[in-house]
C-alpha atoms as a PDB file:
ATOM      1  CA  THR A   1     -10.523  -4.518  -1.407  1.00  0.00           C
ATOM      2  CA  MET A   2      -7.911  -6.021  -3.673  1.00  0.00           C
ATOM      3  CA  HIS A   3      -9.720  -4.600  -6.696  1.00  0.00           C
ATOM      4  CA  LYS A   4      -9.465  -1.055  -5.338  1.00  0.00           C
ATOM      5  CA  ALA A   5      -5.805  -1.268  -4.253  1.00  0.00           C
ATOM      6  CA  LYS A   6      -4.260  -0.095  -7.520  1.00  0.00           C
ATOM      7  CA  GLY A   7      -2.563   3.259  -7.084  1.00  0.00           C
ATOM      8  CA  LEU A   8      -2.842   3.215  -3.292  1.00  0.00           C
ATOM      9  CA  THR A   9      -0.231   2.577  -0.616  1.00  0.00           C
ATOM     10  CA  ALA A  10      -0.542   1.806   3.061  1.00  0.00           C
ATOM     11  CA  LYS A  11       1.764   1.387   6.021  1.00  0.00           C
ATOM     12  CA  GLY A  12       0.449  -2.154   6.400  1.00  0.00           C
ATOM     13  CA  VAL A  13      -1.542  -4.546   4.251  1.00  0.00           C
ATOM     14  CA  ILE A  14      -3.359  -7.701   5.317  1.00  0.00           C
ATOM     15  CA  ILE A  15      -4.402 -10.237   2.699  1.00  0.00           C
ATOM     16  CA  VAL A  16      -7.053 -12.490   4.260  1.00  0.00           C
ATOM     17  CA  GLY A  17      -8.079 -15.883   2.901  1.00  0.00           C
ATOM     18  CA  ALA A  18      -5.126 -16.456   0.555  1.00  0.00           C
ATOM     19  CA  GLU A  19      -6.338 -19.954  -0.233  1.00  0.00           C
ATOM     20  CA  ASP A  20      -6.340 -21.533  -3.661  1.00  0.00           C
ATOM     21  CA  GLU A  21     -10.132 -21.683  -3.532  1.00  0.00           C
ATOM     22  CA  TYR A  22     -10.353 -17.888  -3.231  1.00  0.00           C
ATOM     23  CA  ILE A  23      -7.222 -16.675  -5.027  1.00  0.00           C
ATOM     24  CA  PRO A  24      -7.491 -17.384  -7.970  1.00  0.00           C
ATOM     25  CA  GLY A  25     -10.917 -18.667  -7.038  1.00  0.00           C
ATOM     26  CA  THR A  26     -13.276 -21.009  -8.790  1.00  0.00           C
ATOM     27  CA  ARG A  27     -15.156 -18.568 -11.009  1.00  0.00           C
ATOM     28  CA  LYS A  28     -15.054 -19.407 -14.677  1.00  0.00           C
ATOM     29  CA  GLY A  29     -13.737 -16.845 -17.117  1.00  0.00           C
ATOM     30  CA  GLU A  30     -11.158 -15.257 -14.801  1.00  0.00           C
ATOM     31  CA  PRO A  31      -7.724 -15.995 -16.302  1.00  0.00           C
ATOM     32  CA  ASP A  32      -5.064 -16.970 -13.757  1.00  0.00           C
ATOM     33  CA  ASP A  33      -2.737 -14.247 -15.065  1.00  0.00           C
ATOM     34  CA  ASP A  34      -5.269 -11.539 -14.186  1.00  0.00           C
ATOM     35  CA  GLU A  35      -5.766 -12.979 -10.708  1.00  0.00           C
ATOM     36  CA  ARG A  36      -1.985 -13.262 -10.196  1.00  0.00           C
ATOM     37  CA  ARG A  37      -1.516  -9.602 -11.170  1.00  0.00           C
ATOM     38  CA  LEU A  38      -4.339  -8.558  -8.847  1.00  0.00           C
ATOM     39  CA  LEU A  39      -2.644 -10.335  -5.945  1.00  0.00           C
ATOM     40  CA  TYR A  40       0.732  -8.796  -6.848  1.00  0.00           C
ATOM     41  CA  VAL A  41      -0.733  -5.287  -6.878  1.00  0.00           C
ATOM     42  CA  SER A  42      -2.324  -5.914  -3.488  1.00  0.00           C
ATOM     43  CA  LEU A  43       0.900  -7.274  -1.989  1.00  0.00           C
ATOM     44  CA  SER A  44       2.984  -4.420  -3.354  1.00  0.00           C
ATOM     45  CA  ARG A  45       0.856  -1.726  -1.675  1.00  0.00           C
ATOM     46  CA  ALA A  46       2.480  -2.315   1.735  1.00  0.00           C
ATOM     47  CA  LYS A  47       5.185   0.160   2.737  1.00  0.00           C
ATOM     48  CA  HIS A  48       6.276  -1.532   5.983  1.00  0.00           C
ATOM     49  CA  TYR A  49       4.126  -4.495   6.988  1.00  0.00           C
ATOM     50  CA  LEU A  50       2.512  -7.312   5.062  1.00  0.00           C
ATOM     51  CA  ALA A  51       0.473 -10.147   6.551  1.00  0.00           C
ATOM     52  CA  ILE A  52      -1.038 -12.961   4.522  1.00  0.00           C
ATOM     53  CA  THR A  53      -3.503 -15.332   6.163  1.00  0.00           C
ATOM     54  CA  TYR A  54      -5.091 -18.575   5.072  1.00  0.00           C
ATOM     55  CA  CYS A  55      -6.898 -21.464   6.741  1.00  0.00           C
ATOM     56  CA  ASN A  56      -5.975 -25.115   6.752  1.00  0.00           C
ATOM     57  CA  ARG A  57      -9.656 -25.940   7.284  1.00  0.00           C
ATOM     58  CA  ARG A  58     -12.914 -23.996   7.331  1.00  0.00           C
ATOM     59  CA  THR A  59     -16.170 -24.877   9.025  1.00  0.00           C
ATOM     60  CA  GLY A  60     -19.697 -24.467   7.737  1.00  0.00           C
ATOM     61  CA  ASN A  61     -20.899 -24.182   4.169  1.00  0.00           C
ATOM     62  CA  GLN A  62     -18.684 -22.171   1.861  1.00  0.00           C
ATOM     63  CA  ARG A  63     -20.965 -20.635  -0.748  1.00  0.00           C
ATOM     64  CA  TRP A  64     -18.063 -19.156  -2.696  1.00  0.00           C
ATOM     65  CA  THR A  65     -16.299 -22.494  -3.242  1.00  0.00           C
ATOM     66  CA  GLY A  66     -19.254 -24.843  -3.081  1.00  0.00           C
ATOM     67  CA  ARG A  67     -17.578 -26.861  -0.341  1.00  0.00           C
ATOM     68  CA  THR A  68     -19.024 -28.000   2.934  1.00  0.00           C
ATOM     69  CA  SER A  69     -17.173 -28.357   6.210  1.00  0.00           C
ATOM     70  CA  GLY A  70     -14.998 -31.393   6.794  1.00  0.00           C
ATOM     71  CA  GLN A  71     -13.805 -31.690   3.218  1.00  0.00           C
ATOM     72  CA  GLN A  72     -10.179 -31.752   2.136  1.00  0.00           C
ATOM     73  CA  ARG A  73      -7.603 -29.426   3.640  1.00  0.00           C
ATOM     74  CA  ARG A  74      -7.173 -25.938   2.247  1.00  0.00           C
ATOM     75  CA  LYS A  75      -3.930 -24.846   0.632  1.00  0.00           C
ATOM     76  CA  LEU A  76      -2.089 -21.569   0.310  1.00  0.00           C
ATOM     77  CA  THR A  77      -2.786 -20.037  -3.097  1.00  0.00           C
ATOM     78  CA  ARG A  78      -0.634 -21.533  -5.841  1.00  0.00           C
ATOM     79  CA  PHE A  79       0.555 -18.003  -6.616  1.00  0.00           C
ATOM     80  CA  LEU A  80       2.495 -17.866  -3.333  1.00  0.00           C
ATOM     81  CA  VAL A  81       3.589 -21.493  -2.918  1.00  0.00           C
ATOM     82  CA  ASP A  82       6.827 -20.971  -4.852  1.00  0.00           C
ATOM     83  CA  CYS A  83       7.689 -17.692  -3.108  1.00  0.00           C
ATOM     84  CA  SER A  84      10.238 -17.529  -0.337  1.00  0.00           C
ATOM     85  CA  ILE A  85       7.647 -16.993   2.388  1.00  0.00           C
ATOM     86  CA  ASP A  86       8.431 -18.119   5.900  1.00  0.00           C
ATOM     87  CA  PRO A  87       5.034 -19.128   7.323  1.00  0.00           C
ATOM     88  CA  ILE A  88       4.249 -18.911  11.007  1.00  0.00           C
ATOM     89  CA  ASP A  89       1.457 -20.409  13.076  1.00  0.00           C
ATOM     90  CA  GLY A  90      -0.971 -17.543  13.655  1.00  0.00           C
ATOM     91  CA  MET A  91      -2.275 -18.890  16.951  1.00  0.00           C
ATOM     92  CA  LYS A  92       1.232 -19.234  18.382  1.00  0.00           C
ATOM     93  CA  TYR A  93       2.105 -15.742  17.173  1.00  0.00           C
ATOM     94  CA  ALA A  94      -1.020 -14.243  18.772  1.00  0.00           C
ATOM     95  CA  GLN A  95      -0.215 -15.941  22.082  1.00  0.00           C
ATOM     96  CA  GLN A  96       3.275 -14.410  22.035  1.00  0.00           C
ATOM     97  CA  LEU A  97       1.746 -10.939  21.829  1.00  0.00           C
ATOM     98  CA  ASN A  98       0.142 -11.288  25.253  1.00  0.00           C
END
């Protein structure tokens, strides 16, 4: 998990669900600076490969965010919006692997 990543390294790291609703999340009492540092530590554990995923939309009830399906579009976490990340369409990428 992201909370157990400190001090570890890995050949590859995958951050799943990097949406604003999850990172930094909607819990009260968690300062954004702490959540930003947690994400940074997780991202910096990768030696060679780093993949970050997020959804434009989710289906079904989302207990963590309190949302239900069909509500507004999801966004990449605000912590990564200003970074020089070149996003790709995951479905198109997966099809290229075949």
